[in-house]
């Protein structure tokens, strides 16, 4: 098996993601971040964009405040939204799952709304 190290400055899934300097925040990243933030707000959620790490936090209020982070990262040669999972009791560290291509912000927002929907059986 061959393992390649990504070029310096390439965003990764490690930790909360590498910080993107101003030269790394190109138009596609900024557009995707802005579009997902707007989509989430149009769904009635509070949304905060973090351009430094390429993430959007969706916040739902109800009996308890819940936050779901979506991060922009490469997947299969394209830029995708990934969901960061940190509340899974079976794992010790946050993990991520691919959600949608970066340009499909409407579908990404719809899926995030479902994740943050009312919890059943609690």
PDB file of N, CA and C in Angstrom:
ATOM      1  N   UNK A   1       0.836  -1.162   0.000  1.00  0.00           N
ATOM      2  CA  UNK A   1       0.000   0.000   0.000  1.00  0.00           C
ATOM      3  C   UNK A   1       0.887   1.233   0.000  1.00  0.00           C
ATOM      4  N   UNK A   2       0.510   2.227  -0.777  1.00  0.00           N
ATOM      5  CA  UNK A   2       1.237   3.482  -0.844  1.00  0.00           C
ATOM      6  C   UNK A   2       0.421   4.555  -0.141  1.00  0.00           C
ATOM      7  N   UNK A   3       1.044   5.277   0.756  1.00  0.00           N
ATOM      8  CA  UNK A   3       0.383   6.376   1.450  1.00  0.00           C
ATOM      9  C   UNK A   3       1.086   7.657   1.062  1.00  0.00           C
ATOM     10  N   UNK A   4       0.318   8.610   0.580  1.00  0.00           N
ATOM     11  CA  UNK A   4       0.899   9.879   0.174  1.00  0.00           C
ATOM     12  C   UNK A   4       0.514  10.957   1.169  1.00  0.00           C
ATOM     13  N   UNK A   5       1.447  11.823   1.471  1.00  0.00           N
ATOM     14  CA  UNK A   5       1.181  12.964   2.330  1.00  0.00           C
ATOM     15  C   UNK A   5       0.682  14.108   1.463  1.00  0.00           C
ATOM     16  N   UNK A   6      -0.458  14.728   1.839  1.00  0.00           N
ATOM     17  CA  UNK A   6      -0.950  15.842   1.029  1.00  0.00           C
ATOM     18  C   UNK A   6       0.036  16.999   1.027  1.00  0.00           C
ATOM     19  N   UNK A   7       0.016  17.802  -0.023  1.00  0.00           N
ATOM     20  CA  UNK A   7       0.911  18.962  -0.079  1.00  0.00           C
ATOM     21  C   UNK A   7       0.646  19.905   1.079  1.00  0.00           C
ATOM     22  N   UNK A   8       1.657  20.630   1.469  1.00  0.00           N
ATOM     23  CA  UNK A   8       1.534  21.595   2.553  1.00  0.00           C
ATOM     24  C   UNK A   8       0.398  22.574   2.259  1.00  0.00           C
ATOM     25  N   UNK A   9      -0.413  22.847   3.269  1.00  0.00           N
ATOM     26  CA  UNK A   9      -1.516  23.786   3.111  1.00  0.00           C
ATOM     27  C   UNK A   9      -2.812  23.138   2.677  1.00  0.00           C
ATOM     28  N   UNK A  10      -2.801  21.818   2.379  1.00  0.00           N
ATOM     29  CA  UNK A  10      -4.011  21.121   1.975  1.00  0.00           C
ATOM     30  C   UNK A  10      -4.848  20.827   3.212  1.00  0.00           C
ATOM     31  N   UNK A  11      -6.141  21.164   3.200  1.00  0.00           N
ATOM     32  CA  UNK A  11      -6.974  20.876   4.358  1.00  0.00           C
ATOM     33  C   UNK A  11      -7.047  19.371   4.604  1.00  0.00           C
ATOM     34  N   UNK A  12      -7.138  18.991   5.859  1.00  0.00           N
ATOM     35  CA  UNK A  12      -7.221  17.575   6.193  1.00  0.00           C
ATOM     36  C   UNK A  12      -8.364  17.342   7.161  1.00  0.00           C
ATOM     37  N   UNK A  13      -8.605  16.091   7.496  1.00  0.00           N
ATOM     38  CA  UNK A  13      -9.652  15.755   8.444  1.00  0.00           C
ATOM     39  C   UNK A  13      -9.124  15.622   9.860  1.00  0.00           C
ATOM     40  N   UNK A  14      -7.848  15.784  10.070  1.00  0.00           N
ATOM     41  CA  UNK A  14      -7.277  15.634  11.397  1.00  0.00           C
ATOM     42  C   UNK A  14      -7.754  16.753  12.306  1.00  0.00           C
ATOM     43  N   UNK A  15      -8.060  16.394  13.535  1.00  0.00           N
ATOM     44  CA  UNK A  15      -8.480  17.399  14.511  1.00  0.00           C
ATOM     45  C   UNK A  15      -9.647  18.206  13.995  1.00  0.00           C
ATOM     46  N   UNK A  16      -9.565  19.489  14.175  1.00  0.00           N
ATOM     47  CA  UNK A  16     -10.636  20.358  13.690  1.00  0.00           C
ATOM     48  C   UNK A  16     -10.323  20.891  12.304  1.00  0.00           C
ATOM     49  N   UNK A  17      -9.263  20.404  11.695  1.00  0.00           N
ATOM     50  CA  UNK A  17      -8.894  20.872  10.367  1.00  0.00           C
ATOM     51  C   UNK A  17      -7.784  21.893  10.464  1.00  0.00           C
ATOM     52  N   UNK A  18      -6.972  21.953   9.460  1.00  0.00           N
ATOM     53  CA  UNK A  18      -5.915  22.968   9.453  1.00  0.00           C
ATOM     54  C   UNK A  18      -6.517  24.324   9.206  1.00  0.00           C
ATOM     55  N   UNK A  19      -5.870  25.308   9.725  1.00  0.00           N
ATOM     56  CA  UNK A  19      -6.307  26.672   9.472  1.00  0.00           C
ATOM     57  C   UNK A  19      -5.962  27.034   8.039  1.00  0.00           C
ATOM     58  N   UNK A  20      -6.861  27.750   7.404  1.00  0.00           N
ATOM     59  CA  UNK A  20      -6.624  28.185   6.034  1.00  0.00           C
ATOM     60  C   UNK A  20      -6.186  29.633   6.071  1.00  0.00           C
ATOM     61  N   UNK A  21      -5.022  29.923   5.495  1.00  0.00           N
ATOM     62  CA  UNK A  21      -4.622  31.318   5.443  1.00  0.00           C
ATOM     63  C   UNK A  21      -5.419  32.013   4.350  1.00  0.00           C
ATOM     64  N   UNK A  22      -5.285  33.306   4.254  1.00  0.00           N
ATOM     65  CA  UNK A  22      -6.114  34.062   3.310  1.00  0.00           C
ATOM     66  C   UNK A  22      -5.894  33.613   1.865  1.00  0.00           C
ATOM     67  N   UNK A  23      -4.700  33.122   1.545  1.00  0.00           N
ATOM     68  CA  UNK A  23      -4.465  32.656   0.182  1.00  0.00           C
ATOM     69  C   UNK A  23      -5.151  31.323  -0.080  1.00  0.00           C
ATOM     70  N   UNK A  24      -5.431  30.536   0.978  1.00  0.00           N
ATOM     71  CA  UNK A  24      -6.077  29.249   0.823  1.00  0.00           C
ATOM     72  C   UNK A  24      -7.590  29.329   0.731  1.00  0.00           C
ATOM     73  N   UNK A  25      -8.149  30.455   1.077  1.00  0.00           N
ATOM     74  CA  UNK A  25      -9.598  30.628   1.065  1.00  0.00           C
ATOM     75  C   UNK A  25      -9.999  31.192  -0.286  1.00  0.00           C
ATOM     76  N   UNK A  26     -10.113  30.299  -1.281  1.00  0.00           N
ATOM     77  CA  UNK A  26     -10.424  30.759  -2.629  1.00  0.00           C
ATOM     78  C   UNK A  26     -11.924  30.968  -2.799  1.00  0.00           C
ATOM     79  N   UNK A  27     -12.315  31.374  -3.969  1.00  0.00           N
ATOM     80  CA  UNK A  27     -13.715  31.719  -4.240  1.00  0.00           C
ATOM     81  C   UNK A  27     -14.651  30.525  -4.054  1.00  0.00           C
ATOM     82  N   UNK A  28     -14.229  29.316  -4.438  1.00  0.00           N
ATOM     83  CA  UNK A  28     -15.086  28.141  -4.298  1.00  0.00           C
ATOM     84  C   UNK A  28     -15.366  27.840  -2.828  1.00  0.00           C
ATOM     85  N   UNK A  29     -14.323  27.930  -1.994  1.00  0.00           N
ATOM     86  CA  UNK A  29     -14.508  27.683  -0.553  1.00  0.00           C
ATOM     87  C   UNK A  29     -15.431  28.734   0.041  1.00  0.00           C
ATOM     88  N   UNK A  30     -15.145  29.991  -0.249  1.00  0.00           N
ATOM     89  CA  UNK A  30     -15.943  31.072   0.324  1.00  0.00           C
ATOM     90  C   UNK A  30     -17.395  30.979  -0.126  1.00  0.00           C
ATOM     91  N   UNK A  31     -17.617  30.661  -1.384  1.00  0.00           N
ATOM     92  CA  UNK A  31     -18.972  30.520  -1.909  1.00  0.00           C
ATOM     93  C   UNK A  31     -19.698  29.374  -1.217  1.00  0.00           C
ATOM     94  N   UNK A  32     -19.039  28.232  -1.069  1.00  0.00           N
ATOM     95  CA  UNK A  32     -19.668  27.083  -0.414  1.00  0.00           C
ATOM     96  C   UNK A  32     -20.001  27.395   1.039  1.00  0.00           C
ATOM     97  N   UNK A  33     -19.081  28.025   1.755  1.00  0.00           N
ATOM     98  CA  UNK A  33     -19.326  28.386   3.151  1.00  0.00           C
ATOM     99  C   UNK A  33     -20.497  29.360   3.280  1.00  0.00           C
ATOM    100  N   UNK A  34     -20.500  30.376   2.441  1.00  0.00           N
ATOM    101  CA  UNK A  34     -21.561  31.388   2.472  1.00  0.00           C
ATOM    102  C   UNK A  34     -22.905  30.780   2.092  1.00  0.00           C
ATOM    103  N   UNK A  35     -22.915  29.953   1.048  1.00  0.00           N
ATOM    104  CA  UNK A  35     -24.169  29.353   0.584  1.00  0.00           C
ATOM    105  C   UNK A  35     -24.770  28.412   1.625  1.00  0.00           C
ATOM    106  N   UNK A  36     -23.945  27.567   2.268  1.00  0.00           N
ATOM    107  CA  UNK A  36     -24.492  26.661   3.277  1.00  0.00           C
ATOM    108  C   UNK A  36     -25.001  27.440   4.485  1.00  0.00           C
ATOM    109  N   UNK A  37     -24.286  28.480   4.876  1.00  0.00           N
ATOM    110  CA  UNK A  37     -24.751  29.316   5.989  1.00  0.00           C
ATOM    111  C   UNK A  37     -26.120  29.901   5.676  1.00  0.00           C
ATOM    112  N   UNK A  38     -26.301  30.428   4.471  1.00  0.00           N
ATOM    113  CA  UNK A  38     -27.584  31.010   4.072  1.00  0.00           C
ATOM    114  C   UNK A  38     -28.684  29.949   4.007  1.00  0.00           C
ATOM    115  N   UNK A  39     -28.377  28.767   3.471  1.00  0.00           N
ATOM    116  CA  UNK A  39     -29.366  27.678   3.385  1.00  0.00           C
ATOM    117  C   UNK A  39     -29.838  27.261   4.774  1.00  0.00           C
ATOM    118  N   UNK A  40     -28.893  27.111   5.702  1.00  0.00           N
ATOM    119  CA  UNK A  40     -29.262  26.704   7.056  1.00  0.00           C
ATOM    120  C   UNK A  40     -30.133  27.759   7.732  1.00  0.00           C
ATOM    121  N   UNK A  41     -29.789  29.011   7.533  1.00  0.00           N
ATOM    122  CA  UNK A  41     -30.606  30.086   8.118  1.00  0.00           C
ATOM    123  C   UNK A  41     -32.001  30.109   7.511  1.00  0.00           C
ATOM    124  N   UNK A  42     -32.120  29.821   6.216  1.00  0.00           N
ATOM    125  CA  UNK A  42     -33.440  29.795   5.586  1.00  0.00           C
ATOM    126  C   UNK A  42     -34.281  28.626   6.101  1.00  0.00           C
ATOM    127  N   UNK A  43     -33.624  27.619   6.695  1.00  0.00           N
ATOM    128  CA  UNK A  43     -34.331  26.482   7.302  1.00  0.00           C
ATOM    129  C   UNK A  43     -34.692  26.753   8.759  1.00  0.00           C
ATOM    130  N   UNK A  44     -34.368  27.943   9.247  1.00  0.00           N
ATOM    131  CA  UNK A  44     -34.718  28.312  10.614  1.00  0.00           C
ATOM    132  C   UNK A  44     -33.666  27.989  11.658  1.00  0.00           C
ATOM    133  N   UNK A  45     -32.472  27.618  11.224  1.00  0.00           N
ATOM    134  CA  UNK A  45     -31.400  27.333  12.172  1.00  0.00           C
ATOM    135  C   UNK A  45     -30.475  28.534  12.285  1.00  0.00           C
ATOM    136  N   UNK A  46     -29.812  28.645  13.412  1.00  0.00           N
ATOM    137  CA  UNK A  46     -28.731  29.613  13.530  1.00  0.00           C
ATOM    138  C   UNK A  46     -27.522  28.968  12.871  1.00  0.00           C
ATOM    139  N   UNK A  47     -26.738  29.724  12.136  1.00  0.00           N
ATOM    140  CA  UNK A  47     -25.565  29.174  11.455  1.00  0.00           C
ATOM    141  C   UNK A  47     -24.399  30.138  11.590  1.00  0.00           C
ATOM    142  N   UNK A  48     -23.226  29.569  11.900  1.00  0.00           N
ATOM    143  CA  UNK A  48     -22.004  30.358  12.012  1.00  0.00           C
ATOM    144  C   UNK A  48     -20.942  29.777  11.091  1.00  0.00           C
ATOM    145  N   UNK A  49     -20.359  30.640  10.300  1.00  0.00           N
ATOM    146  CA  UNK A  49     -19.329  30.246   9.343  1.00  0.00           C
ATOM    147  C   UNK A  49     -17.953  30.509   9.945  1.00  0.00           C
ATOM    148  N   UNK A  50     -17.037  29.566   9.798  1.00  0.00           N
ATOM    149  CA  UNK A  50     -15.656  29.727  10.234  1.00  0.00           C
ATOM    150  C   UNK A  50     -14.759  29.525   9.020  1.00  0.00           C
ATOM    151  N   UNK A  51     -14.414  30.621   8.364  1.00  0.00           N
ATOM    152  CA  UNK A  51     -13.576  30.557   7.172  1.00  0.00           C
ATOM    153  C   UNK A  51     -12.156  30.131   7.464  1.00  0.00           C
ATOM    154  N   UNK A  52     -11.713  30.272   8.711  1.00  0.00           N
ATOM    155  CA  UNK A  52     -10.338  29.908   9.058  1.00  0.00           C
ATOM    156  C   UNK A  52     -10.107  28.407   8.966  1.00  0.00           C
ATOM    157  N   UNK A  53     -11.131  27.597   9.240  1.00  0.00           N
ATOM    158  CA  UNK A  53     -10.968  26.145   9.150  1.00  0.00           C
ATOM    159  C   UNK A  53     -11.893  25.524   8.115  1.00  0.00           C
ATOM    160  N   UNK A  54     -12.697  26.337   7.424  1.00  0.00           N
ATOM    161  CA  UNK A  54     -13.599  25.825   6.397  1.00  0.00           C
ATOM    162  C   UNK A  54     -14.756  25.048   6.979  1.00  0.00           C
ATOM    163  N   UNK A  55     -15.472  25.648   7.935  1.00  0.00           N
ATOM    164  CA  UNK A  55     -16.563  24.944   8.613  1.00  0.00           C
ATOM    165  C   UNK A  55     -17.771  25.853   8.794  1.00  0.00           C
ATOM    166  N   UNK A  56     -18.933  25.205   8.914  1.00  0.00           N
ATOM    167  CA  UNK A  56     -20.177  25.895   9.253  1.00  0.00           C
ATOM    168  C   UNK A  56     -20.810  25.126  10.407  1.00  0.00           C
ATOM    169  N   UNK A  57     -21.150  25.838  11.474  1.00  0.00           N
ATOM    170  CA  UNK A  57     -21.854  25.240  12.599  1.00  0.00           C
ATOM    171  C   UNK A  57     -23.330  25.582  12.489  1.00  0.00           C
ATOM    172  N   UNK A  58     -24.179  24.555  12.521  1.00  0.00           N
ATOM    173  CA  UNK A  58     -25.632  24.738  12.549  1.00  0.00           C
ATOM    174  C   UNK A  58     -26.073  24.535  13.988  1.00  0.00           C
ATOM    175  N   UNK A  59     -26.874  25.471  14.496  1.00  0.00           N
ATOM    176  CA  UNK A  59     -27.310  25.408  15.890  1.00  0.00           C
ATOM    177  C   UNK A  59     -28.826  25.329  15.937  1.00  0.00           C
ATOM    178  N   UNK A  60     -29.324  24.309  16.640  1.00  0.00           N
ATOM    179  CA  UNK A  60     -30.768  24.135  16.825  1.00  0.00           C
ATOM    180  C   UNK A  60     -31.075  24.324  18.302  1.00  0.00           C
ATOM    181  N   UNK A  61     -32.176  24.995  18.569  1.00  0.00           N
ATOM    182  CA  UNK A  61     -32.613  25.191  19.947  1.00  0.00           C
ATOM    183  C   UNK A  61     -33.895  24.407  20.162  1.00  0.00           C
ATOM    184  N   UNK A  62     -34.134  24.018  21.342  1.00  0.00           N
ATOM    185  CA  UNK A  62     -35.317  23.254  21.721  1.00  0.00           C
ATOM    186  C   UNK A  62     -35.173  22.982  23.197  1.00  0.00           C
ATOM    187  N   UNK A  63     -35.491  21.771  23.609  1.00  0.00           N
ATOM    188  CA  UNK A  63     -35.254  21.453  25.015  1.00  0.00           C
ATOM    189  C   UNK A  63     -33.764  21.597  25.363  1.00  0.00           C
ATOM    190  N   UNK A  64     -32.902  21.328  24.387  1.00  0.00           N
ATOM    191  CA  UNK A  64     -31.459  21.480  24.581  1.00  0.00           C
ATOM    192  C   UNK A  64     -30.856  22.061  23.304  1.00  0.00           C
ATOM    193  N   UNK A  65     -29.816  22.827  23.488  1.00  0.00           N
ATOM    194  CA  UNK A  65     -29.097  23.394  22.339  1.00  0.00           C
ATOM    195  C   UNK A  65     -28.234  22.299  21.718  1.00  0.00           C
ATOM    196  N   UNK A  66     -28.351  22.129  20.388  1.00  0.00           N
ATOM    197  CA  UNK A  66     -27.561  21.130  19.676  1.00  0.00           C
ATOM    198  C   UNK A  66     -26.802  21.805  18.544  1.00  0.00           C
ATOM    199  N   UNK A  67     -25.564  21.387  18.353  1.00  0.00           N
ATOM    200  CA  UNK A  67     -24.711  21.956  17.308  1.00  0.00           C
ATOM    201  C   UNK A  67     -24.221  20.832  16.412  1.00  0.00           C
ATOM    202  N   UNK A  68     -24.312  21.070  15.106  1.00  0.00           N
ATOM    203  CA  UNK A  68     -23.764  20.122  14.134  1.00  0.00           C
ATOM    204  C   UNK A  68     -22.785  20.869  13.247  1.00  0.00           C
ATOM    205  N   UNK A  69     -21.546  20.395  13.181  1.00  0.00           N
ATOM    206  CA  UNK A  69     -20.519  21.032  12.355  1.00  0.00           C
ATOM    207  C   UNK A  69     -20.395  20.313  11.021  1.00  0.00           C
ATOM    208  N   UNK A  70     -20.362  21.107   9.957  1.00  0.00           N
ATOM    209  CA  UNK A  70     -20.060  20.607   8.615  1.00  0.00           C
ATOM    210  C   UNK A  70     -18.750  21.258   8.188  1.00  0.00           C
ATOM    211  N   UNK A  71     -17.840  20.443   7.667  1.00  0.00           N
ATOM    212  CA  UNK A  71     -16.540  20.959   7.241  1.00  0.00           C
ATOM    213  C   UNK A  71     -16.324  20.676   5.761  1.00  0.00           C
ATOM    214  N   UNK A  72     -15.630  21.565   5.101  1.00  0.00           N
ATOM    215  CA  UNK A  72     -15.264  21.386   3.692  1.00  0.00           C
ATOM    216  C   UNK A  72     -13.934  20.656   3.623  1.00  0.00           C
ATOM    217  N   UNK A  73     -13.938  19.524   2.919  1.00  0.00           N
ATOM    218  CA  UNK A  73     -12.716  18.752   2.756  1.00  0.00           C
ATOM    219  C   UNK A  73     -12.772  18.017   1.420  1.00  0.00           C
ATOM    220  N   UNK A  74     -11.632  17.662   0.878  1.00  0.00           N
ATOM    221  CA  UNK A  74     -11.606  16.897  -0.366  1.00  0.00           C
ATOM    222  C   UNK A  74     -12.182  15.493  -0.176  1.00  0.00           C
ATOM    223  N   UNK A  75     -12.836  14.997  -1.208  1.00  0.00           N
ATOM    224  CA  UNK A  75     -13.370  13.635  -1.210  1.00  0.00           C
ATOM    225  C   UNK A  75     -13.492  13.197  -2.665  1.00  0.00           C
ATOM    226  N   UNK A  76     -12.810  12.114  -3.011  1.00  0.00           N
ATOM    227  CA  UNK A  76     -12.867  11.575  -4.368  1.00  0.00           C
ATOM    228  C   UNK A  76     -12.518  12.620  -5.433  1.00  0.00           C
ATOM    229  N   UNK A  77     -11.548  13.448  -5.128  1.00  0.00           N
ATOM    230  CA  UNK A  77     -11.078  14.432  -6.093  1.00  0.00           C
ATOM    231  C   UNK A  77     -11.902  15.701  -6.189  1.00  0.00           C
ATOM    232  N   UNK A  78     -12.909  15.831  -5.346  1.00  0.00           N
ATOM    233  CA  UNK A  78     -13.762  17.030  -5.363  1.00  0.00           C
ATOM    234  C   UNK A  78     -13.896  17.569  -3.946  1.00  0.00           C
ATOM    235  N   UNK A  79     -14.376  18.789  -3.834  1.00  0.00           N
ATOM    236  CA  UNK A  79     -14.628  19.404  -2.540  1.00  0.00           C
ATOM    237  C   UNK A  79     -16.009  18.980  -2.055  1.00  0.00           C
ATOM    238  N   UNK A  80     -16.079  18.435  -0.839  1.00  0.00           N
ATOM    239  CA  UNK A  80     -17.332  17.938  -0.265  1.00  0.00           C
ATOM    240  C   UNK A  80     -17.571  18.522   1.114  1.00  0.00           C
ATOM    241  N   UNK A  81     -18.832  18.496   1.510  1.00  0.00           N
ATOM    242  CA  UNK A  81     -19.206  18.764   2.899  1.00  0.00           C
ATOM    243  C   UNK A  81     -19.087  17.458   3.663  1.00  0.00           C
ATOM    244  N   UNK A  82     -18.477  17.525   4.828  1.00  0.00           N
ATOM    245  CA  UNK A  82     -18.363  16.382   5.728  1.00  0.00           C
ATOM    246  C   UNK A  82     -19.046  16.750   7.033  1.00  0.00           C
ATOM    247  N   UNK A  83     -19.731  15.796   7.663  1.00  0.00           N
ATOM    248  CA  UNK A  83     -20.306  16.014   8.989  1.00  0.00           C
ATOM    249  C   UNK A  83     -19.305  15.551  10.034  1.00  0.00           C
ATOM    250  N   UNK A  84     -19.117  16.386  11.030  1.00  0.00           N
ATOM    251  CA  UNK A  84     -18.244  16.040  12.157  1.00  0.00           C
ATOM    252  C   UNK A  84     -19.121  15.443  13.251  1.00  0.00           C
ATOM    253  N   UNK A  85     -18.823  14.236  13.667  1.00  0.00           N
ATOM    254  CA  UNK A  85     -19.572  13.554  14.725  1.00  0.00           C
ATOM    255  C   UNK A  85     -18.701  13.500  15.966  1.00  0.00           C
ATOM    256  N   UNK A  86     -19.198  14.050  17.063  1.00  0.00           N
ATOM    257  CA  UNK A  86     -18.419  14.003  18.297  1.00  0.00           C
ATOM    258  C   UNK A  86     -19.213  13.439  19.463  1.00  0.00           C
ATOM    259  N   UNK A  87     -20.497  13.200  19.293  1.00  0.00           N
ATOM    260  CA  UNK A  87     -21.317  12.721  20.401  1.00  0.00           C
ATOM    261  C   UNK A  87     -21.565  11.218  20.342  1.00  0.00           C
ATOM    262  N   UNK A  88     -20.771  10.495  19.583  1.00  0.00           N
ATOM    263  CA  UNK A  88     -20.939   9.055  19.473  1.00  0.00           C
ATOM    264  C   UNK A  88     -20.197   8.388  20.634  1.00  0.00           C
ATOM    265  N   UNK A  89     -20.924   7.730  21.544  1.00  0.00           N
ATOM    266  CA  UNK A  89     -20.263   7.133  22.707  1.00  0.00           C
ATOM    267  C   UNK A  89     -19.358   5.950  22.357  1.00  0.00           C
ATOM    268  N   UNK A  90     -19.448   5.422  21.139  1.00  0.00           N
ATOM    269  CA  UNK A  90     -18.611   4.281  20.759  1.00  0.00           C
ATOM    270  C   UNK A  90     -17.222   4.696  20.286  1.00  0.00           C
ATOM    271  N   UNK A  91     -16.999   5.999  20.126  1.00  0.00           N
ATOM    272  CA  UNK A  91     -15.683   6.461  19.698  1.00  0.00           C
ATOM    273  C   UNK A  91     -15.126   7.437  20.719  1.00  0.00           C
ATOM    274  N   UNK A  92     -13.801   7.542  20.770  1.00  0.00           N
ATOM    275  CA  UNK A  92     -13.172   8.466  21.712  1.00  0.00           C
ATOM    276  C   UNK A  92     -12.841   9.799  21.064  1.00  0.00           C
ATOM    277  N   UNK A  93     -12.757   9.818  19.748  1.00  0.00           N
ATOM    278  CA  UNK A  93     -12.403  11.056  19.052  1.00  0.00           C
ATOM    279  C   UNK A  93     -13.480  11.380  18.014  1.00  0.00           C
ATOM    280  N   UNK A  94     -13.624  12.658  17.688  1.00  0.00           N
ATOM    281  CA  UNK A  94     -14.586  13.010  16.639  1.00  0.00           C
ATOM    282  C   UNK A  94     -14.201  12.341  15.330  1.00  0.00           C
ATOM    283  N   UNK A  95     -15.195  11.962  14.552  1.00  0.00           N
ATOM    284  CA  UNK A  95     -14.927  11.420  13.234  1.00  0.00           C
ATOM    285  C   UNK A  95     -15.830  12.137  12.238  1.00  0.00           C
ATOM    286  N   UNK A  96     -15.569  11.926  10.968  1.00  0.00           N
ATOM    287  CA  UNK A  96     -16.309  12.641   9.938  1.00  0.00           C
ATOM    288  C   UNK A  96     -16.868  11.665   8.918  1.00  0.00           C
ATOM    289  N   UNK A  97     -17.965  12.071   8.301  1.00  0.00           N
ATOM    290  CA  UNK A  97     -18.592  11.274   7.253  1.00  0.00           C
ATOM    291  C   UNK A  97     -18.923  12.198   6.090  1.00  0.00           C
ATOM    292  N   UNK A  98     -18.656  11.772   4.837  1.00  0.00           N
ATOM    293  CA  UNK A  98     -18.985  12.625   3.695  1.00  0.00           C
ATOM    294  C   UNK A  98     -20.492  12.846   3.606  1.00  0.00           C
ATOM    295  N   UNK A  99     -20.890  14.068   3.292  1.00  0.00           N
ATOM    296  CA  UNK A  99     -22.302  14.423   3.255  1.00  0.00           C
ATOM    297  C   UNK A  99     -22.776  14.660   1.826  1.00  0.00           C
ATOM    298  N   UNK A 100     -22.291  15.712   1.179  1.00  0.00           N
ATOM    299  CA  UNK A 100     -22.662  16.042  -0.198  1.00  0.00           C
ATOM    300  C   UNK A 100     -21.516  16.804  -0.855  1.00  0.00           C
ATOM    301  N   UNK A 101     -21.505  16.866  -2.196  1.00  0.00           N
ATOM    302  CA  UNK A 101     -20.539  17.755  -2.848  1.00  0.00           C
ATOM    303  C   UNK A 101     -20.749  19.197  -2.372  1.00  0.00           C
ATOM    304  N   UNK A 102     -19.697  19.973  -2.350  1.00  0.00           N
ATOM    305  CA  UNK A 102     -19.752  21.332  -1.804  1.00  0.00           C
ATOM    306  C   UNK A 102     -20.797  22.211  -2.486  1.00  0.00           C
ATOM    307  N   UNK A 103     -21.022  22.011  -3.777  1.00  0.00           N
ATOM    308  CA  UNK A 103     -21.982  22.841  -4.501  1.00  0.00           C
ATOM    309  C   UNK A 103     -23.433  22.504  -4.212  1.00  0.00           C
ATOM    310  N   UNK A 104     -23.692  21.390  -3.582  1.00  0.00           N
ATOM    311  CA  UNK A 104     -25.066  20.966  -3.306  1.00  0.00           C
ATOM    312  C   UNK A 104     -25.476  21.381  -1.895  1.00  0.00           C
ATOM    313  N   UNK A 105     -25.496  22.694  -1.662  1.00  0.00           N
ATOM    314  CA  UNK A 105     -25.766  23.209  -0.323  1.00  0.00           C
ATOM    315  C   UNK A 105     -27.214  22.979   0.125  1.00  0.00           C
ATOM    316  N   UNK A 106     -28.162  22.945  -0.807  1.00  0.00           N
ATOM    317  CA  UNK A 106     -29.559  22.716  -0.424  1.00  0.00           C
ATOM    318  C   UNK A 106     -29.716  21.319   0.171  1.00  0.00           C
ATOM    319  N   UNK A 107     -29.105  20.312  -0.465  1.00  0.00           N
ATOM    320  CA  UNK A 107     -29.193  18.950   0.054  1.00  0.00           C
ATOM    321  C   UNK A 107     -28.413  18.821   1.362  1.00  0.00           C
ATOM    322  N   UNK A 108     -27.260  19.460   1.438  1.00  0.00           N
ATOM    323  CA  UNK A 108     -26.480  19.424   2.679  1.00  0.00           C
ATOM    324  C   UNK A 108     -27.281  20.020   3.826  1.00  0.00           C
ATOM    325  N   UNK A 109     -27.924  21.166   3.598  1.00  0.00           N
ATOM    326  CA  UNK A 109     -28.726  21.811   4.644  1.00  0.00           C
ATOM    327  C   UNK A 109     -29.896  20.921   5.052  1.00  0.00           C
ATOM    328  N   UNK A 110     -30.564  20.313   4.078  1.00  0.00           N
ATOM    329  CA  UNK A 110     -31.706  19.438   4.372  1.00  0.00           C
ATOM    330  C   UNK A 110     -31.265  18.269   5.258  1.00  0.00           C
ATOM    331  N   UNK A 111     -30.126  17.688   4.956  1.00  0.00           N
ATOM    332  CA  UNK A 111     -29.628  16.562   5.747  1.00  0.00           C
ATOM    333  C   UNK A 111     -29.215  16.998   7.153  1.00  0.00           C
ATOM    334  N   UNK A 112     -28.612  18.170   7.265  1.00  0.00           N
ATOM    335  CA  UNK A 112     -28.209  18.681   8.575  1.00  0.00           C
ATOM    336  C   UNK A 112     -29.452  18.966   9.424  1.00  0.00           C
ATOM    337  N   UNK A 113     -30.499  19.508   8.807  1.00  0.00           N
ATOM    338  CA  UNK A 113     -31.750  19.755   9.526  1.00  0.00           C
ATOM    339  C   UNK A 113     -32.298  18.439  10.072  1.00  0.00           C
ATOM    340  N   UNK A 114     -32.233  17.378   9.287  1.00  0.00           N
ATOM    341  CA  UNK A 114     -32.700  16.064   9.755  1.00  0.00           C
ATOM    342  C   UNK A 114     -31.869  15.568  10.939  1.00  0.00           C
ATOM    343  N   UNK A 115     -30.556  15.760  10.865  1.00  0.00           N
ATOM    344  CA  UNK A 115     -29.684  15.328  11.966  1.00  0.00           C
ATOM    345  C   UNK A 115     -30.038  16.086  13.242  1.00  0.00           C
ATOM    346  N   UNK A 116     -30.342  17.360  13.111  1.00  0.00           N
ATOM    347  CA  UNK A 116     -30.648  18.181  14.277  1.00  0.00           C
ATOM    348  C   UNK A 116     -32.114  18.139  14.683  1.00  0.00           C
ATOM    349  N   UNK A 117     -32.919  17.372  13.945  1.00  0.00           N
ATOM    350  CA  UNK A 117     -34.336  17.290  14.240  1.00  0.00           C
ATOM    351  C   UNK A 117     -34.603  16.777  15.639  1.00  0.00           C
ATOM    352  N   UNK A 118     -35.875  16.748  16.023  1.00  0.00           N
ATOM    353  CA  UNK A 118     -36.219  16.298  17.378  1.00  0.00           C
ATOM    354  C   UNK A 118     -35.732  14.881  17.625  1.00  0.00           C
ATOM    355  N   UNK A 119     -35.189  14.672  18.789  1.00  0.00           N
ATOM    356  CA  UNK A 119     -34.708  13.346  19.155  1.00  0.00           C
ATOM    357  C   UNK A 119     -35.873  12.501  19.624  1.00  0.00           C
ATOM    358  N   UNK A 120     -35.926  11.293  19.119  1.00  0.00           N
ATOM    359  CA  UNK A 120     -37.024  10.396  19.466  1.00  0.00           C
ATOM    360  C   UNK A 120     -36.648   9.502  20.627  1.00  0.00           C
ATOM    361  N   UNK A 121     -37.633   9.185  21.454  1.00  0.00           N
ATOM    362  CA  UNK A 121     -37.441   8.234  22.525  1.00  0.00           C
ATOM    363  C   UNK A 121     -36.631   8.736  23.696  1.00  0.00           C
ATOM    364  N   UNK A 122     -36.482  10.034  23.836  1.00  0.00           N
ATOM    365  CA  UNK A 122     -35.717  10.583  24.972  1.00  0.00           C
ATOM    366  C   UNK A 122     -36.559  11.565  25.734  1.00  0.00           C
TER     367      UNK A 122
END
